[in-house]
Amino acid sequence: MKWLWIILLGVVGIVAAVFAFEYLTVGIGHLPTWVPGHVAHEHGHLHKRGYLAALIAVLAFAGAGFLLYKKIQGDKDAAAAASVSA
């Protein structure tokens, strides 16, 4: 079950990183239509949304990394316990 959360957080992190890149590098009028905040003929960038998306990406990747670390540690502990009892 932990693998599902690790994969889900990884996908959320990737999607949030893509949105952060789009918001911080592309002007409002040039955003693709599938990106929320797209406004035709406007100038500027959506920095607040970009920073928020970057924060979400970092938190998602950190959560996935933490869960992966805990999963690996749990597997090592289980292997050590099995070798001691054998």
C-alpha atoms as a PDB file:
ATOM      1  CA  MET A   1       0.000   0.000   0.000  1.00  0.00           C
ATOM      2  CA  LYS A   2       2.935   2.325   0.650  1.00  0.00           C
ATOM      3  CA  TRP A   3       4.017   1.958  -2.962  1.00  0.00           C
ATOM      4  CA  LEU A   4       0.704   3.442  -4.077  1.00  0.00           C
ATOM      5  CA  TRP A   5       1.303   6.566  -1.942  1.00  0.00           C
ATOM      6  CA  ILE A   6       4.908   6.849  -3.132  1.00  0.00           C
ATOM      7  CA  ILE A   7       3.845   6.689  -6.782  1.00  0.00           C
ATOM      8  CA  LEU A   8       0.915   9.064  -6.216  1.00  0.00           C
ATOM      9  CA  LEU A   9       3.125  11.653  -4.493  1.00  0.00           C
ATOM     10  CA  GLY A  10       5.705  11.294  -7.266  1.00  0.00           C
ATOM     11  CA  VAL A  11       3.097  11.962  -9.949  1.00  0.00           C
ATOM     12  CA  VAL A  12       1.692  14.944  -8.026  1.00  0.00           C
ATOM     13  CA  GLY A  13       5.231  16.298  -7.682  1.00  0.00           C
ATOM     14  CA  ILE A  14       5.903  15.980 -11.407  1.00  0.00           C
ATOM     15  CA  VAL A  15       2.610  17.639 -12.370  1.00  0.00           C
ATOM     16  CA  ALA A  16       3.162  20.467  -9.876  1.00  0.00           C
ATOM     17  CA  ALA A  17       6.712  20.969 -11.185  1.00  0.00           C
ATOM     18  CA  VAL A  18       5.390  21.259 -14.754  1.00  0.00           C
ATOM     19  CA  PHE A  19       2.803  23.823 -13.655  1.00  0.00           C
ATOM     20  CA  ALA A  20       5.443  25.765 -11.707  1.00  0.00           C
ATOM     21  CA  PHE A  21       7.676  25.858 -14.773  1.00  0.00           C
ATOM     22  CA  GLU A  22       4.809  27.035 -16.979  1.00  0.00           C
ATOM     23  CA  TYR A  23       3.674  29.734 -14.546  1.00  0.00           C
ATOM     24  CA  LEU A  24       7.155  31.101 -13.878  1.00  0.00           C
ATOM     25  CA  THR A  25       8.565  31.092 -17.415  1.00  0.00           C
ATOM     26  CA  VAL A  26       5.638  31.735 -19.750  1.00  0.00           C
ATOM     27  CA  GLY A  27       3.614  34.949 -19.919  1.00  0.00           C
ATOM     28  CA  ILE A  28      -0.082  34.916 -19.061  1.00  0.00           C
ATOM     29  CA  GLY A  29      -1.149  35.431 -22.660  1.00  0.00           C
ATOM     30  CA  HIS A  30       1.050  32.593 -23.896  1.00  0.00           C
ATOM     31  CA  LEU A  31       0.022  29.928 -21.410  1.00  0.00           C
ATOM     32  CA  PRO A  32      -1.517  26.830 -22.968  1.00  0.00           C
ATOM     33  CA  THR A  33      -5.285  26.724 -22.661  1.00  0.00           C
ATOM     34  CA  TRP A  34      -5.145  23.638 -20.430  1.00  0.00           C
ATOM     35  CA  VAL A  35      -3.279  25.599 -17.741  1.00  0.00           C
ATOM     36  CA  PRO A  36      -5.549  27.367 -15.232  1.00  0.00           C
ATOM     37  CA  GLY A  37      -5.074  31.133 -15.341  1.00  0.00           C
ATOM     38  CA  HIS A  38      -4.790  31.371 -19.114  1.00  0.00           C
ATOM     39  CA  VAL A  39      -5.953  34.835 -20.199  1.00  0.00           C
ATOM     40  CA  ALA A  40      -5.682  35.957 -23.782  1.00  0.00           C
ATOM     41  CA  HIS A  41      -3.872  39.232 -24.498  1.00  0.00           C
ATOM     42  CA  GLU A  42      -2.535  39.783 -20.975  1.00  0.00           C
ATOM     43  CA  HIS A  43       1.064  40.485 -20.024  1.00  0.00           C
ATOM     44  CA  GLY A  44       3.058  39.374 -17.006  1.00  0.00           C
ATOM     45  CA  HIS A  45       3.540  36.116 -15.165  1.00  0.00           C
ATOM     46  CA  LEU A  46       1.595  34.293 -12.502  1.00  0.00           C
ATOM     47  CA  HIS A  47       4.383  34.220  -9.921  1.00  0.00           C
ATOM     48  CA  LYS A  48       2.218  33.433  -6.902  1.00  0.00           C
ATOM     49  CA  ARG A  49       0.753  30.376  -8.597  1.00  0.00           C
ATOM     50  CA  GLY A  50       4.202  29.369  -9.794  1.00  0.00           C
ATOM     51  CA  TYR A  51       5.719  29.585  -6.320  1.00  0.00           C
ATOM     52  CA  LEU A  52       2.783  27.677  -4.834  1.00  0.00           C
ATOM     53  CA  ALA A  53       3.109  24.949  -7.467  1.00  0.00           C
ATOM     54  CA  ALA A  54       6.866  24.755  -6.795  1.00  0.00           C
ATOM     55  CA  LEU A  55       6.192  24.430  -3.053  1.00  0.00           C
ATOM     56  CA  ILE A  56       3.657  21.662  -3.679  1.00  0.00           C
ATOM     57  CA  ALA A  57       6.179  19.865  -5.912  1.00  0.00           C
ATOM     58  CA  VAL A  58       8.899  20.055  -3.256  1.00  0.00           C
ATOM     59  CA  LEU A  59       6.549  18.837  -0.521  1.00  0.00           C
ATOM     60  CA  ALA A  60       5.256  15.977  -2.697  1.00  0.00           C
ATOM     61  CA  PHE A  61       8.788  14.857  -3.584  1.00  0.00           C
ATOM     62  CA  ALA A  62       9.859  15.136   0.063  1.00  0.00           C
ATOM     63  CA  GLY A  63       6.858  13.059   1.150  1.00  0.00           C
ATOM     64  CA  ALA A  64       7.551  10.420  -1.474  1.00  0.00           C
ATOM     65  CA  GLY A  65      11.203  10.314  -0.459  1.00  0.00           C
ATOM     66  CA  PHE A  66      10.301   9.973   3.221  1.00  0.00           C
ATOM     67  CA  LEU A  67       7.853   7.144   2.533  1.00  0.00           C
ATOM     68  CA  LEU A  68      10.402   5.417   0.311  1.00  0.00           C
ATOM     69  CA  TYR A  69      13.036   5.718   3.048  1.00  0.00           C
ATOM     70  CA  LYS A  70      10.641   4.294   5.647  1.00  0.00           C
ATOM     71  CA  LYS A  71       9.716   1.431   3.278  1.00  0.00           C
ATOM     72  CA  ILE A  72      13.371   0.538   2.684  1.00  0.00           C
ATOM     73  CA  GLN A  73      14.146   0.733   6.420  1.00  0.00           C
ATOM     74  CA  GLY A  74      11.148  -1.489   7.207  1.00  0.00           C
ATOM     75  CA  ASP A  75      12.285  -4.052   4.633  1.00  0.00           C
ATOM     76  CA  LYS A  76      15.815  -4.040   6.103  1.00  0.00           C
ATOM     77  CA  ASP A  77      14.457  -4.495   9.625  1.00  0.00           C
ATOM     78  CA  ALA A  78      12.214  -7.360   8.519  1.00  0.00           C
ATOM     79  CA  ALA A  79      15.142  -9.060   6.742  1.00  0.00           C
ATOM     80  CA  ALA A  80      17.360  -8.658   9.814  1.00  0.00           C
ATOM     81  CA  ALA A  81      14.664 -10.113  12.072  1.00  0.00           C
ATOM     82  CA  ALA A  82      14.159 -13.054   9.720  1.00  0.00           C
ATOM     83  CA  SER A  83      17.883 -13.813   9.606  1.00  0.00           C
ATOM     84  CA  VAL A  84      18.168 -13.688  13.409  1.00  0.00           C
ATOM     85  CA  SER A  85      15.235 -16.063  13.926  1.00  0.00           C
ATOM     86  CA  ALA A  86      16.488 -18.519  11.285  1.00  0.00           C
END
